[in-house]
PDB file of N, CA and C in Angstrom:
ATOM      1  N   MET A   1       0.829  -1.187   0.000  1.00  0.00           N
ATOM      2  CA  MET A   1       0.000   0.000   0.000  1.00  0.00           C
ATOM      3  C   MET A   1       0.874   1.251   0.000  1.00  0.00           C
ATOM      4  N   ALA A   2       0.474   2.204  -0.749  1.00  0.00           N
ATOM      5  CA  ALA A   2       1.226   3.449  -0.848  1.00  0.00           C
ATOM      6  C   ALA A   2       0.638   4.492   0.096  1.00  0.00           C
ATOM      7  N   ASP A   3       1.514   5.243   0.735  1.00  0.00           N
ATOM      8  CA  ASP A   3       1.090   6.317   1.632  1.00  0.00           C
ATOM      9  C   ASP A   3       1.030   7.616   0.836  1.00  0.00           C
ATOM     10  N   TRP A   4      -0.179   8.103   0.564  1.00  0.00           N
ATOM     11  CA  TRP A   4      -0.381   9.299  -0.239  1.00  0.00           C
ATOM     12  C   TRP A   4      -0.532  10.561   0.601  1.00  0.00           C
ATOM     13  N   GLY A   5      -0.480  10.447   1.916  1.00  0.00           N
ATOM     14  CA  GLY A   5      -0.633  11.596   2.802  1.00  0.00           C
ATOM     15  C   GLY A   5       0.361  12.713   2.530  1.00  0.00           C
ATOM     16  N   PRO A   6       1.668  12.405   2.496  1.00  0.00           N
ATOM     17  CA  PRO A   6       2.640  13.467   2.227  1.00  0.00           C
ATOM     18  C   PRO A   6       2.455  14.137   0.863  1.00  0.00           C
ATOM     19  N   VAL A   7       2.066  13.367  -0.138  1.00  0.00           N
ATOM     20  CA  VAL A   7       1.871  13.928  -1.479  1.00  0.00           C
ATOM     21  C   VAL A   7       0.694  14.897  -1.487  1.00  0.00           C
ATOM     22  N   ILE A   8      -0.405  14.487  -0.871  1.00  0.00           N
ATOM     23  CA  ILE A   8      -1.597  15.336  -0.850  1.00  0.00           C
ATOM     24  C   ILE A   8      -1.357  16.606  -0.047  1.00  0.00           C
ATOM     25  N   VAL A   9      -0.735  16.462   1.128  1.00  0.00           N
ATOM     26  CA  VAL A   9      -0.472  17.629   1.977  1.00  0.00           C
ATOM     27  C   VAL A   9       0.495  18.590   1.290  1.00  0.00           C
ATOM     28  N   ALA A  10       1.563  18.074   0.713  1.00  0.00           N
ATOM     29  CA  ALA A  10       2.547  18.928   0.053  1.00  0.00           C
ATOM     30  C   ALA A  10       1.946  19.666  -1.144  1.00  0.00           C
ATOM     31  N   THR A  11       1.123  18.977  -1.925  1.00  0.00           N
ATOM     32  CA  THR A  11       0.494  19.613  -3.091  1.00  0.00           C
ATOM     33  C   THR A  11      -0.496  20.687  -2.665  1.00  0.00           C
ATOM     34  N   ALA A  12      -1.312  20.388  -1.670  1.00  0.00           N
ATOM     35  CA  ALA A  12      -2.300  21.363  -1.207  1.00  0.00           C
ATOM     36  C   ALA A  12      -1.616  22.601  -0.622  1.00  0.00           C
ATOM     37  N   LEU A  13      -0.576  22.395   0.194  1.00  0.00           N
ATOM     38  CA  LEU A  13       0.131  23.537   0.768  1.00  0.00           C
ATOM     39  C   LEU A  13       0.852  24.343  -0.306  1.00  0.00           C
ATOM     40  N   PHE A  14       1.406  23.674  -1.307  1.00  0.00           N
ATOM     41  CA  PHE A  14       2.094  24.391  -2.380  1.00  0.00           C
ATOM     42  C   PHE A  14       1.125  25.304  -3.130  1.00  0.00           C
ATOM     43  N   VAL A  15      -0.054  24.792  -3.421  1.00  0.00           N
ATOM     44  CA  VAL A  15      -1.046  25.600  -4.140  1.00  0.00           C
ATOM     45  C   VAL A  15      -1.538  26.751  -3.268  1.00  0.00           C
ATOM     46  N   LEU A  16      -1.829  26.472  -1.996  1.00  0.00           N
ATOM     47  CA  LEU A  16      -2.369  27.511  -1.118  1.00  0.00           C
ATOM     48  C   LEU A  16      -1.342  28.564  -0.738  1.00  0.00           C
ATOM     49  N   LEU A  17      -0.057  28.193  -0.677  1.00  0.00           N
ATOM     50  CA  LEU A  17       0.966  29.138  -0.229  1.00  0.00           C
ATOM     51  C   LEU A  17       1.799  29.713  -1.364  1.00  0.00           C
ATOM     52  N   THR A  18       1.338  29.586  -2.592  1.00  0.00           N
ATOM     53  CA  THR A  18       2.039  30.226  -3.704  1.00  0.00           C
ATOM     54  C   THR A  18       1.891  31.738  -3.556  1.00  0.00           C
ATOM     55  N   PRO A  19       3.022  32.471  -3.439  1.00  0.00           N
ATOM     56  CA  PRO A  19       2.919  33.923  -3.225  1.00  0.00           C
ATOM     57  C   PRO A  19       2.166  34.607  -4.357  1.00  0.00           C
ATOM     58  N   GLY A  20       1.189  35.427  -3.998  1.00  0.00           N
ATOM     59  CA  GLY A  20       0.432  36.188  -4.972  1.00  0.00           C
ATOM     60  C   GLY A  20      -0.849  35.529  -5.421  1.00  0.00           C
ATOM     61  N   LEU A  21      -0.984  34.228  -5.227  1.00  0.00           N
ATOM     62  CA  LEU A  21      -2.191  33.546  -5.694  1.00  0.00           C
ATOM     63  C   LEU A  21      -3.375  33.870  -4.788  1.00  0.00           C
ATOM     64  N   LEU A  22      -3.320  33.468  -3.544  1.00  0.00           N
ATOM     65  CA  LEU A  22      -4.377  33.798  -2.591  1.00  0.00           C
ATOM     66  C   LEU A  22      -4.019  35.030  -1.766  1.00  0.00           C
ATOM     67  N   CYS A  23      -2.794  35.032  -1.248  1.00  0.00           N
ATOM     68  CA  CYS A  23      -2.348  36.164  -0.433  1.00  0.00           C
ATOM     69  C   CYS A  23      -0.842  36.340  -0.600  1.00  0.00           C
ATOM     70  N   THR A  24      -0.363  37.525  -0.256  1.00  0.00           N
ATOM     71  CA  THR A  24       1.059  37.839  -0.285  1.00  0.00           C
ATOM     72  C   THR A  24       1.439  38.424   1.061  1.00  0.00           C
ATOM     73  N   LEU A  25       2.388  37.773   1.728  1.00  0.00           N
ATOM     74  CA  LEU A  25       2.893  38.241   3.022  1.00  0.00           C
ATOM     75  C   LEU A  25       4.376  38.529   2.886  1.00  0.00           C
ATOM     76  N   PRO A  26       4.925  39.625   3.062  1.00  0.00           N
ATOM     77  CA  PRO A  26       4.303  40.939   3.168  1.00  0.00           C
ATOM     78  C   PRO A  26       3.951  41.473   1.788  1.00  0.00           C
ATOM     79  N   GLY A  27       2.923  42.283   1.740  1.00  0.00           N
ATOM     80  CA  GLY A  27       2.492  42.881   0.480  1.00  0.00           C
ATOM     81  C   GLY A  27       3.338  44.097   0.132  1.00  0.00           C
ATOM     82  N   ARG A  28       3.030  44.724  -0.970  1.00  0.00           N
ATOM     83  CA  ARG A  28       3.797  45.903  -1.385  1.00  0.00           C
ATOM     84  C   ARG A  28       3.475  47.127  -0.542  1.00  0.00           C
ATOM     85  N   GLY A  29       2.199  47.343  -0.253  1.00  0.00           N
ATOM     86  CA  GLY A  29       1.812  48.523   0.503  1.00  0.00           C
ATOM     87  C   GLY A  29       1.237  48.207   1.869  1.00  0.00           C
ATOM     88  N   ARG A  30       0.907  46.952   2.095  1.00  0.00           N
ATOM     89  CA  ARG A  30       0.289  46.525   3.349  1.00  0.00           C
ATOM     90  C   ARG A  30       1.011  45.295   3.868  1.00  0.00           C
ATOM     91  N   VAL A  31       0.620  44.876   5.065  1.00  0.00           N
ATOM     92  CA  VAL A  31       1.213  43.661   5.617  1.00  0.00           C
ATOM     93  C   VAL A  31       0.783  42.443   4.812  1.00  0.00           C
ATOM     94  N   ALA A  32      -0.476  42.381   4.454  1.00  0.00           N
ATOM     95  CA  ALA A  32      -0.997  41.268   3.659  1.00  0.00           C
ATOM     96  C   ALA A  32      -1.858  41.820   2.532  1.00  0.00           C
ATOM     97  N   GLU A  33      -1.661  41.268   1.347  1.00  0.00           N
ATOM     98  CA  GLU A  33      -2.489  41.611   0.196  1.00  0.00           C
ATOM     99  C   GLU A  33      -3.124  40.325  -0.317  1.00  0.00           C
ATOM    100  N   PHE A  34      -4.371  40.399  -0.713  1.00  0.00           N
ATOM    101  CA  PHE A  34      -5.103  39.218  -1.160  1.00  0.00           C
ATOM    102  C   PHE A  34      -5.402  39.319  -2.647  1.00  0.00           C
ATOM    103  N   GLY A  35      -5.030  38.268  -3.393  1.00  0.00           N
ATOM    104  CA  GLY A  35      -5.306  38.203  -4.820  1.00  0.00           C
ATOM    105  C   GLY A  35      -4.594  39.246  -5.651  1.00  0.00           C
ATOM    106  N   SER A  36      -3.429  39.676  -5.230  1.00  0.00           N
ATOM    107  CA  SER A  36      -2.734  40.751  -5.945  1.00  0.00           C
ATOM    108  C   SER A  36      -1.971  40.253  -7.168  1.00  0.00           C
ATOM    109  N   MET A  37      -1.619  38.961  -7.184  1.00  0.00           N
ATOM    110  CA  MET A  37      -0.841  38.357  -8.275  1.00  0.00           C
ATOM    111  C   MET A  37       0.528  39.015  -8.437  1.00  0.00           C
ATOM    112  N   HIS A  38       1.030  39.657  -7.383  1.00  0.00           N
ATOM    113  CA  HIS A  38       2.367  40.236  -7.356  1.00  0.00           C
ATOM    114  C   HIS A  38       3.166  39.546  -6.269  1.00  0.00           C
ATOM    115  N   THR A  39       4.468  39.514  -6.416  1.00  0.00           N
ATOM    116  CA  THR A  39       5.316  38.890  -5.417  1.00  0.00           C
ATOM    117  C   THR A  39       6.657  39.612  -5.356  1.00  0.00           C
ATOM    118  N   SER A  40       7.413  39.303  -4.323  1.00  0.00           N
ATOM    119  CA  SER A  40       8.748  39.861  -4.153  1.00  0.00           C
ATOM    120  C   SER A  40       9.635  38.789  -3.543  1.00  0.00           C
ATOM    121  N   GLY A  41      10.903  39.076  -3.445  1.00  0.00           N
ATOM    122  CA  GLY A  41      11.834  38.121  -2.850  1.00  0.00           C
ATOM    123  C   GLY A  41      11.526  37.845  -1.396  1.00  0.00           C
ATOM    124  N   LEU A  42      11.168  38.886  -0.659  1.00  0.00           N
ATOM    125  CA  LEU A  42      10.826  38.721   0.748  1.00  0.00           C
ATOM    126  C   LEU A  42       9.549  37.893   0.911  1.00  0.00           C
ATOM    127  N   ALA A  43       8.570  38.099   0.040  1.00  0.00           N
ATOM    128  CA  ALA A  43       7.335  37.315   0.098  1.00  0.00           C
ATOM    129  C   ALA A  43       7.616  35.842  -0.188  1.00  0.00           C
ATOM    130  N   ILE A  44       8.502  35.564  -1.122  1.00  0.00           N
ATOM    131  CA  ILE A  44       8.872  34.179  -1.422  1.00  0.00           C
ATOM    132  C   ILE A  44       9.537  33.534  -0.215  1.00  0.00           C
ATOM    133  N   LEU A  45      10.403  34.269   0.459  1.00  0.00           N
ATOM    134  CA  LEU A  45      11.069  33.751   1.650  1.00  0.00           C
ATOM    135  C   LEU A  45      10.069  33.475   2.773  1.00  0.00           C
ATOM    136  N   VAL A  46       9.147  34.404   3.017  1.00  0.00           N
ATOM    137  CA  VAL A  46       8.140  34.225   4.070  1.00  0.00           C
ATOM    138  C   VAL A  46       7.254  33.024   3.768  1.00  0.00           C
ATOM    139  N   HIS A  47       6.817  32.882   2.525  1.00  0.00           N
ATOM    140  CA  HIS A  47       5.961  31.766   2.153  1.00  0.00           C
ATOM    141  C   HIS A  47       6.715  30.436   2.227  1.00  0.00           C
ATOM    142  N   ALA A  48       8.007  30.435   1.901  1.00  0.00           N
ATOM    143  CA  ALA A  48       8.805  29.210   1.999  1.00  0.00           C
ATOM    144  C   ALA A  48       8.954  28.765   3.458  1.00  0.00           C
ATOM    145  N   VAL A  49       9.169  29.719   4.360  1.00  0.00           N
ATOM    146  CA  VAL A  49       9.274  29.389   5.781  1.00  0.00           C
ATOM    147  C   VAL A  49       7.937  28.868   6.302  1.00  0.00           C
ATOM    148  N   LEU A  50       6.836  29.506   5.909  1.00  0.00           N
ATOM    149  CA  LEU A  50       5.508  29.022   6.304  1.00  0.00           C
ATOM    150  C   LEU A  50       5.240  27.618   5.757  1.00  0.00           C
ATOM    151  N   TYR A  51       5.617  27.374   4.519  1.00  0.00           N
ATOM    152  CA  TYR A  51       5.438  26.055   3.908  1.00  0.00           C
ATOM    153  C   TYR A  51       6.205  24.997   4.693  1.00  0.00           C
ATOM    154  N   PHE A  52       7.463  25.270   4.998  1.00  0.00           N
ATOM    155  CA  PHE A  52       8.287  24.327   5.745  1.00  0.00           C
ATOM    156  C   PHE A  52       7.702  24.052   7.124  1.00  0.00           C
ATOM    157  N   ALA A  53       7.266  25.106   7.809  1.00  0.00           N
ATOM    158  CA  ALA A  53       6.704  24.939   9.153  1.00  0.00           C
ATOM    159  C   ALA A  53       5.415  24.111   9.111  1.00  0.00           C
ATOM    160  N   LEU A  54       4.532  24.427   8.194  1.00  0.00           N
ATOM    161  CA  LEU A  54       3.257  23.704   8.121  1.00  0.00           C
ATOM    162  C   LEU A  54       3.427  22.260   7.670  1.00  0.00           C
ATOM    163  N   ILE A  55       4.308  22.015   6.709  1.00  0.00           N
ATOM    164  CA  ILE A  55       4.493  20.634   6.259  1.00  0.00           C
ATOM    165  C   ILE A  55       5.159  19.809   7.352  1.00  0.00           C
ATOM    166  N   THR A  56       6.026  20.427   8.143  1.00  0.00           N
ATOM    167  CA  THR A  56       6.633  19.726   9.268  1.00  0.00           C
ATOM    168  C   THR A  56       5.586  19.374  10.315  1.00  0.00           C
ATOM    169  N   ILE A  57       4.713  20.308  10.615  1.00  0.00           N
ATOM    170  CA  ILE A  57       3.655  20.053  11.599  1.00  0.00           C
ATOM    171  C   ILE A  57       2.720  18.955  11.120  1.00  0.00           C
ATOM    172  N   PHE A  58       2.264  19.054   9.877  1.00  0.00           N
ATOM    173  CA  PHE A  58       1.288  18.091   9.376  1.00  0.00           C
ATOM    174  C   PHE A  58       1.864  16.685   9.196  1.00  0.00           C
ATOM    175  N   LEU A  59       3.101  16.578   8.729  1.00  0.00           N
ATOM    176  CA  LEU A  59       3.641  15.263   8.415  1.00  0.00           C
ATOM    177  C   LEU A  59       4.383  14.611   9.570  1.00  0.00           C
ATOM    178  N   ILE A  60       5.081  15.390  10.375  1.00  0.00           N
ATOM    179  CA  ILE A  60       5.876  14.797  11.448  1.00  0.00           C
ATOM    180  C   ILE A  60       5.135  14.835  12.778  1.00  0.00           C
ATOM    181  N   ALA A  61       4.627  15.993  13.170  1.00  0.00           N
ATOM    182  CA  ALA A  61       3.989  16.117  14.480  1.00  0.00           C
ATOM    183  C   ALA A  61       2.624  15.425  14.509  1.00  0.00           C
ATOM    184  N   ILE A  62       1.794  15.683  13.501  1.00  0.00           N
ATOM    185  CA  ILE A  62       0.461  15.082  13.471  1.00  0.00           C
ATOM    186  C   ILE A  62       0.492  13.705  12.836  1.00  0.00           C
ATOM    187  N   GLY A  63       1.290  13.537  11.803  1.00  0.00           N
ATOM    188  CA  GLY A  63       1.429  12.246  11.145  1.00  0.00           C
ATOM    189  C   GLY A  63       0.261  11.877  10.262  1.00  0.00           C
ATOM    190  N   ILE A  64      -0.025  12.700   9.266  1.00  0.00           N
ATOM    191  CA  ILE A  64      -1.143  12.436   8.354  1.00  0.00           C
ATOM    192  C   ILE A  64      -0.741  11.315   7.386  1.00  0.00           C
ATOM    193  N   HIS A  65      -1.603  10.300   7.299  1.00  0.00           N
ATOM    194  CA  HIS A  65      -1.373   9.172   6.396  1.00  0.00           C
ATOM    195  C   HIS A  65      -2.662   8.895   5.624  1.00  0.00           C
ATOM    196  N   VAL A  66      -2.519   8.689   4.329  1.00  0.00           N
ATOM    197  CA  VAL A  66      -3.645   8.308   3.471  1.00  0.00           C
ATOM    198  C   VAL A  66      -3.184   7.113   2.658  1.00  0.00           C
ATOM    199  N   TYR A  67      -3.806   5.965   2.908  1.00  0.00           N
ATOM    200  CA  TYR A  67      -3.429   4.740   2.196  1.00  0.00           C
ATOM    201  C   TYR A  67      -4.453   4.437   1.123  1.00  0.00           C
ATOM    202  N   ALA A  68      -3.967   4.118  -0.076  1.00  0.00           N
ATOM    203  CA  ALA A  68      -4.853   3.813  -1.198  1.00  0.00           C
ATOM    204  C   ALA A  68      -4.405   2.487  -1.822  1.00  0.00           C
ATOM    205  N   GLY A  69      -5.352   1.732  -2.200  1.00  0.00           N
ATOM    206  CA  GLY A  69      -5.043   0.509  -2.920  1.00  0.00           C
ATOM    207  C   GLY A  69      -5.076  -0.697  -2.124  1.00  0.00           C
TER     208      GLY A  69
END
């Protein structure tokens, strides 16, 4: 049986934390901008740190597993 939990969590977090798609932290004129479709180097760094923290929590601390087949 294959464990699809890490794949699903990583894909969902990647889509949700893409800078500029849903939100940008920090934004150009504000702390957070929603749906701006703009990004910067600092926003990429912040989103990468958030991605790493959340994927660590979901996969290691909580231990999400999805078995298929």
